[in-house]
């Protein structure tokens, strides 16, 4: 996800005319838009989730301000931000300029500077993301989210940071340092620590089961005599959505099997085909009912 601003940055703000500015700006926007189209690649499946696009061009526009028509300095590159967003019921995958990869869960976004990978490797996260970090001992990889900072050199880890719950870091490979205020904790593989939003303190480091620690990253969901209520809770946690039951009796329906972990609609389609359950998706809310009752 690289875009060069060489032409734009090569302009000397102390001696520049409007024609030169406009020409460089058109080249900058052309490259930014090309990057936006190519930065994320979708995987085609039945009802596959659309991958979100990056928005570096918008950040570049903001950096210009009232430059056109005035003799003033160009905004420095470290003022520009690139943002990647995964919308509601979507997931997003992005390759960073340093070779690292990030997978975003639904309703999540990351932001980083246009100097990422050269001057710094710092990311701001809102929501949930899984990071596969390229090794670079000279430039640490840092993720900041809701008062928690996670530092890594080369590793694989997950951060979950939605507004209505604690911030949780789960390490799958390598080593990371999680810090918040005066608290800090070093995590080893298959360890997890959470930041309490109410007091700003880190909790105790705990071990996790690698098979179930990150259900949103699993390609399949395994149901072993699992109730519909528990499945709904699982979907809520994975996709950051709300599931509402119009008929409370269907909560006790039990299911056994393996289903693709692509989207809530995919899972509920299978449930609806094998039992008298109907569903309707309205934004971030899924309404479940019996097929004999109309879902309103």
Protein backbone atom coordinates (compact mmCIF):
# COMPACT_ATOMS: atom_id res chain seq x y z
CA UNK A 1 0.00 0.00 0.00
CA UNK A 2 2.61 2.42 -1.16
CA UNK A 3 2.05 5.80 -2.71
CA UNK A 4 4.76 8.27 -3.58
CA UNK A 5 4.37 11.98 -3.02
CA UNK A 6 7.74 12.74 -4.56
CA UNK A 7 6.48 15.33 -7.07
CA UNK A 8 4.36 17.15 -4.50
CA UNK A 9 7.04 17.15 -1.82
CA UNK A 10 9.75 18.29 -4.22
CA UNK A 11 8.12 21.72 -4.51
CA UNK A 12 9.86 24.45 -2.56
CA UNK A 13 7.12 26.33 -0.76
CA UNK A 14 9.17 29.52 -0.69
CA UNK A 15 9.16 30.01 -4.47
CA UNK A 16 6.30 28.38 -6.33
CA UNK A 17 3.62 29.47 -8.75
CA UNK A 18 0.04 28.28 -9.06
CA UNK A 19 0.64 26.31 -12.27
CA UNK A 20 3.38 24.26 -10.64
CA UNK A 21 1.21 23.61 -7.60
CA UNK A 22 -1.76 22.41 -9.63
CA UNK A 23 0.38 20.11 -11.77
CA UNK A 24 2.00 18.47 -8.75
CA UNK A 25 -1.34 18.18 -6.97
CA UNK A 26 -2.96 16.43 -9.95
CA UNK A 27 -0.13 13.90 -9.99
CA UNK A 28 -0.46 13.35 -6.25
CA UNK A 29 -4.20 12.74 -6.48
CA UNK A 30 -3.75 10.38 -9.43
CA UNK A 31 -1.35 8.22 -7.43
CA UNK A 32 -3.46 8.34 -4.27
CA UNK A 33 -6.58 7.26 -6.15
CA UNK A 34 -4.69 4.45 -7.88
CA UNK A 35 -3.49 3.26 -4.49
CA UNK A 36 -7.02 3.44 -3.08
CA UNK A 37 -8.33 1.17 -5.83
CA UNK A 38 -5.49 -1.34 -5.52
CA UNK A 39 -4.77 -1.34 -1.80
CA UNK A 40 -7.33 -3.93 -0.76
CA UNK A 41 -8.23 -7.15 -2.57
CA UNK A 42 -11.54 -8.89 -2.03
CA UNK A 43 -11.94 -12.65 -1.95
CA UNK A 44 -14.91 -13.94 -3.90
CA UNK A 45 -17.18 -16.35 -2.08
CA UNK A 46 -20.91 -16.87 -1.87
CA UNK A 47 -22.11 -13.66 -0.22
CA UNK A 48 -18.49 -12.74 0.47
CA UNK A 49 -17.87 -9.64 2.52
CA UNK A 50 -16.70 -6.57 0.65
CA UNK A 51 -13.32 -5.25 1.64
CA UNK A 52 -13.15 -1.59 2.57
CA UNK A 53 -11.05 0.92 0.69
CA UNK A 54 -8.25 3.07 2.02
CA UNK A 55 -8.72 6.82 2.28
CA UNK A 56 -5.25 8.31 1.85
CA UNK A 57 -6.50 10.70 -0.81
CA UNK A 58 -8.84 12.41 1.63
CA UNK A 59 -5.97 12.90 4.06
CA UNK A 60 -3.85 14.40 1.30
CA UNK A 61 -6.62 16.87 0.47
CA UNK A 62 -6.76 17.97 4.09
CA UNK A 63 -3.02 18.63 4.09
CA UNK A 64 -3.31 21.21 1.30
CA UNK A 65 -5.52 23.64 3.21
CA UNK A 66 -5.47 27.05 1.51
CA UNK A 67 -2.19 26.43 -0.30
CA UNK A 68 -3.55 27.05 -3.78
CA UNK A 69 -3.10 30.69 -4.73
CA UNK A 70 -0.80 31.53 -1.82
CA UNK A 71 2.97 31.48 -1.30
CA UNK A 72 3.28 29.29 1.74
CA UNK A 73 5.03 26.10 2.84
CA UNK A 74 3.82 22.65 1.91
CA UNK A 75 2.55 20.55 4.82
CA UNK A 76 5.22 18.11 5.93
CA UNK A 77 4.71 14.41 5.01
CA UNK A 78 4.31 13.35 8.65
CA UNK A 79 1.13 15.45 8.82
CA UNK A 80 -0.60 13.24 6.26
CA UNK A 81 -2.68 10.30 7.47
CA UNK A 82 -3.83 7.17 5.70
CA UNK A 83 -6.96 5.46 7.02
CA UNK A 84 -8.41 2.02 6.32
CA UNK A 85 -11.98 1.25 7.38
CA UNK A 86 -14.02 -1.94 7.65
CA UNK A 87 -17.70 -1.03 7.76
CA UNK A 88 -20.61 -2.75 9.41
CA UNK A 89 -20.66 -6.53 8.75
CA UNK A 90 -17.49 -6.22 6.68
CA UNK A 91 -13.91 -7.32 7.13
CA UNK A 92 -10.84 -5.76 5.57
CA UNK A 93 -7.29 -6.87 4.77
CA UNK A 94 -4.47 -4.47 4.02
CA UNK A 95 -0.74 -4.73 3.32
CA UNK A 96 1.26 -1.93 4.94
CA UNK A 97 4.27 -0.21 3.32
CA UNK A 98 6.72 -2.09 5.60
CA UNK A 99 5.40 -5.51 4.56
CA UNK A 100 3.21 -6.03 7.62
CA UNK A 101 -0.36 -7.20 7.16
CA UNK A 102 -3.49 -6.18 9.04
CA UNK A 103 -6.92 -7.81 9.12
CA UNK A 104 -9.74 -5.55 10.37
CA UNK A 105 -12.90 -6.87 11.98
CA UNK A 106 -16.24 -5.16 11.26
CA UNK A 107 -16.77 -1.57 12.47
CA UNK A 108 -13.01 -1.10 12.84
CA UNK A 109 -10.41 1.25 11.41
CA UNK A 110 -6.70 1.99 11.52
CA UNK A 111 -4.79 5.18 10.74
CA UNK A 112 -1.09 5.79 10.14
CA UNK A 113 1.16 8.47 8.68
CA UNK A 114 2.40 8.58 5.11
CA UNK A 115 5.94 8.14 6.49
CA UNK A 116 5.00 4.73 7.90
CA UNK A 117 7.78 2.21 7.45
CA UNK A 118 10.53 4.80 7.01
CA UNK A 119 10.32 7.31 9.86
CA UNK A 120 7.99 5.32 12.12
CA UNK A 121 5.68 2.31 12.35
CA UNK A 122 2.92 3.69 14.55
CA UNK A 123 -0.76 2.85 14.05
CA UNK A 124 -3.93 4.05 15.77
CA UNK A 125 -6.69 1.45 16.08
CA UNK A 126 -10.41 1.78 16.76
CA UNK A 127 -12.22 -1.56 16.93
CA UNK A 128 -10.50 -4.91 16.41
CA UNK A 129 -7.58 -5.96 14.24
CA UNK A 130 -5.11 -8.79 13.83
CA UNK A 131 -1.52 -7.83 13.03
CA UNK A 132 1.17 -9.88 11.27
CA UNK A 133 4.20 -7.64 11.80
CA UNK A 134 7.25 -7.61 9.52
CA UNK A 135 10.53 -7.65 11.43
CA UNK A 136 12.46 -4.39 11.69
CA UNK A 137 14.62 -4.03 14.78
CA UNK A 138 15.43 -0.41 13.96
CA UNK A 139 11.81 0.76 13.84
CA UNK A 140 9.46 -0.83 16.43
CA UNK A 141 5.87 -1.51 15.41
CA UNK A 142 3.51 0.34 17.79
CA UNK A 143 -0.29 0.19 17.99
CA UNK A 144 -2.13 2.77 20.12
CA UNK A 145 -5.75 2.18 21.09
CA UNK A 146 -7.86 3.78 23.80
CA UNK A 147 -4.99 4.46 26.20
CA UNK A 148 -3.22 1.15 25.56
CA UNK A 149 0.07 0.96 23.64
CA UNK A 150 1.43 -2.30 22.20
CA UNK A 151 5.04 -2.46 20.98
CA UNK A 152 6.42 -5.26 18.80
CA UNK A 153 9.40 -5.93 16.54
CA UNK A 154 8.09 -8.90 14.55
CA UNK A 155 5.08 -10.85 15.76
CA UNK A 156 1.42 -11.78 15.36
CA UNK A 157 -1.14 -10.37 17.74
CA UNK A 158 -4.74 -9.21 18.04
CA UNK A 159 -6.18 -6.09 19.67
CA UNK A 160 -9.87 -5.77 20.47
CA UNK A 161 -10.89 -2.22 21.39
CA UNK A 162 -14.59 -1.52 21.02
CA UNK A 163 -16.06 1.31 23.08
CA UNK A 164 -18.37 -0.75 25.28
CA UNK A 165 -15.77 -3.23 26.54
CA UNK A 166 -12.22 -3.50 27.90
CA UNK A 167 -9.26 -3.29 25.51
CA UNK A 168 -7.76 -6.77 25.06
CA UNK A 169 -4.43 -7.82 23.53
CA UNK A 170 -3.90 -11.46 22.51
CA UNK A 171 -0.48 -12.65 21.36
CA UNK A 172 -0.22 -15.57 18.92
CA UNK A 173 3.49 -15.43 17.99
CA UNK A 174 6.62 -13.59 19.11
CA UNK A 175 6.62 -11.11 21.99
CA UNK A 176 4.95 -7.75 22.68
CA UNK A 177 5.05 -5.11 25.38
CA UNK A 178 1.62 -3.78 26.40
CA UNK A 179 1.60 -0.58 28.43
CA UNK A 180 -0.99 1.81 29.85
CA UNK A 181 0.05 4.66 32.10
CA UNK A 182 2.41 3.22 34.73
CA UNK A 183 1.33 -0.38 34.05
CA UNK A 184 3.08 -2.69 31.59
CA UNK A 185 3.11 -6.38 30.71
CA UNK A 186 5.22 -8.55 28.42
CA UNK A 187 3.16 -11.15 26.56
CA UNK A 188 4.40 -14.50 25.28
CA UNK A 189 2.57 -16.68 22.71
CA UNK A 190 -1.02 -17.55 23.65
CA UNK A 191 -1.18 -14.98 26.42
CA UNK A 192 -3.69 -12.18 26.83
CA UNK A 193 -4.05 -9.02 28.89
CA UNK A 194 -6.84 -6.45 29.15
CA UNK A 195 -7.03 -2.75 29.96
CA UNK A 196 -9.91 -1.81 32.26
CA UNK A 197 -11.51 1.28 30.73
CA UNK A 198 -13.02 2.34 34.05
CA UNK A 199 -9.73 2.71 35.96
CA UNK A 200 -7.11 2.69 33.19
CA UNK A 201 -5.24 -0.26 34.71
CA UNK A 202 -3.91 -3.43 33.12
CA UNK A 203 -5.20 -6.73 34.48
CA UNK A 204 -3.31 -9.97 35.05
CA UNK A 205 -1.74 -11.78 32.10
CA UNK A 206 -3.67 -14.98 31.35
CA UNK A 207 -3.22 -17.99 29.09
CA UNK A 208 -5.67 -18.59 26.23
CA UNK A 209 -6.58 -21.54 24.02
CA UNK A 210 -5.09 -20.90 20.58
CA UNK A 211 -8.00 -22.75 18.94
CA UNK A 212 -10.71 -20.51 20.38
CA UNK A 213 -8.97 -17.27 21.38
CA UNK A 214 -9.81 -15.39 18.16
CA UNK A 215 -13.07 -16.77 16.72
CA UNK A 216 -13.39 -13.94 14.17
CA UNK A 217 -10.13 -15.11 12.55
CA UNK A 218 -11.28 -18.72 12.20
CA UNK A 219 -12.38 -19.90 8.75
CA UNK A 220 -15.05 -22.15 10.26
CA UNK A 221 -17.29 -22.19 13.32
CA UNK A 222 -17.84 -25.49 15.11
CA UNK A 223 -21.17 -26.03 16.87
CA UNK A 224 -21.36 -28.98 19.27
CA UNK A 225 -24.93 -29.13 20.56
CA UNK A 226 -24.78 -25.34 20.87
CA UNK A 227 -27.92 -23.34 21.66
CA UNK A 228 -29.11 -20.59 19.32
CA UNK A 229 -28.67 -18.16 22.22
CA UNK A 230 -24.99 -19.10 22.52
CA UNK A 231 -24.53 -18.90 18.74
CA UNK A 232 -26.07 -15.41 18.81
CA UNK A 233 -23.61 -14.37 21.53
CA UNK A 234 -20.77 -15.73 19.42
CA UNK A 235 -21.91 -13.75 16.36
CA UNK A 236 -22.25 -10.62 18.47
CA UNK A 237 -18.68 -10.99 19.71
CA UNK A 238 -17.18 -11.83 16.32
CA UNK A 239 -18.95 -9.18 14.25
CA UNK A 240 -19.64 -6.46 16.86
CA UNK A 241 -23.40 -6.60 16.24
CA UNK A 242 -26.57 -6.95 18.30
CA UNK A 243 -28.87 -9.96 18.01
CA UNK A 244 -32.48 -9.54 19.15
CA UNK A 245 -34.85 -12.46 19.81
CA UNK A 246 -38.51 -11.75 19.02
CA UNK A 247 -39.46 -15.26 20.20
CA UNK A 248 -37.62 -16.30 23.36
CA UNK A 249 -38.40 -20.01 22.89
CA UNK A 250 -36.06 -20.37 19.91
CA UNK A 251 -33.08 -19.51 22.14
CA UNK A 252 -33.04 -23.15 23.28
CA UNK A 253 -32.79 -24.66 19.79
CA UNK A 254 -29.57 -26.73 19.61
CA UNK A 255 -27.22 -27.10 16.67
CA UNK A 256 -24.31 -29.38 15.80
CA UNK A 257 -22.10 -28.95 12.76
CA UNK A 258 -19.47 -26.87 11.02
CA UNK A 259 -20.34 -23.66 9.13
CA UNK A 260 -18.21 -21.15 7.19
CA UNK A 261 -17.24 -18.12 9.25
CA UNK A 262 -17.80 -15.57 6.50
CA UNK A 263 -20.70 -13.43 7.67
CA UNK A 264 -23.69 -13.54 10.05
CA UNK A 265 -26.00 -13.93 7.04
CA UNK A 266 -24.10 -17.02 5.88
CA UNK A 267 -24.39 -18.66 9.31
CA UNK A 268 -28.04 -17.73 9.78
CA UNK A 269 -28.94 -18.90 6.28
CA UNK A 270 -27.79 -22.38 7.22
CA UNK A 271 -29.65 -22.23 10.53
CA UNK A 272 -32.79 -20.99 8.79
CA UNK A 273 -32.61 -23.82 6.23
CA UNK A 274 -32.34 -26.49 8.93
CA UNK A 275 -34.78 -25.16 11.54
CA UNK A 276 -37.90 -22.97 11.80
CA UNK A 277 -35.93 -19.76 12.41
CA UNK A 278 -36.17 -16.57 10.36
CA UNK A 279 -33.89 -13.56 10.50
CA UNK A 280 -33.66 -9.98 9.27
CA UNK A 281 -30.61 -7.73 9.19
CA UNK A 282 -31.09 -4.05 9.91
CA UNK A 283 -27.75 -2.25 10.03
CA UNK A 284 -25.84 -3.60 13.02
CA UNK A 285 -28.88 -5.41 14.41
CA UNK A 286 -30.10 -8.90 13.54
CA UNK A 287 -33.65 -9.85 14.49
CA UNK A 288 -34.43 -13.55 15.02
CA UNK A 289 -37.91 -15.02 15.06
CA UNK A 290 -39.77 -18.21 14.30
CA UNK A 291 -40.80 -18.76 10.69
CA UNK A 292 -44.42 -18.86 11.75
CA UNK A 293 -44.15 -15.31 13.07
CA UNK A 294 -43.43 -12.32 10.87
CA UNK A 295 -40.12 -10.63 11.71
CA UNK A 296 -40.88 -6.94 12.12
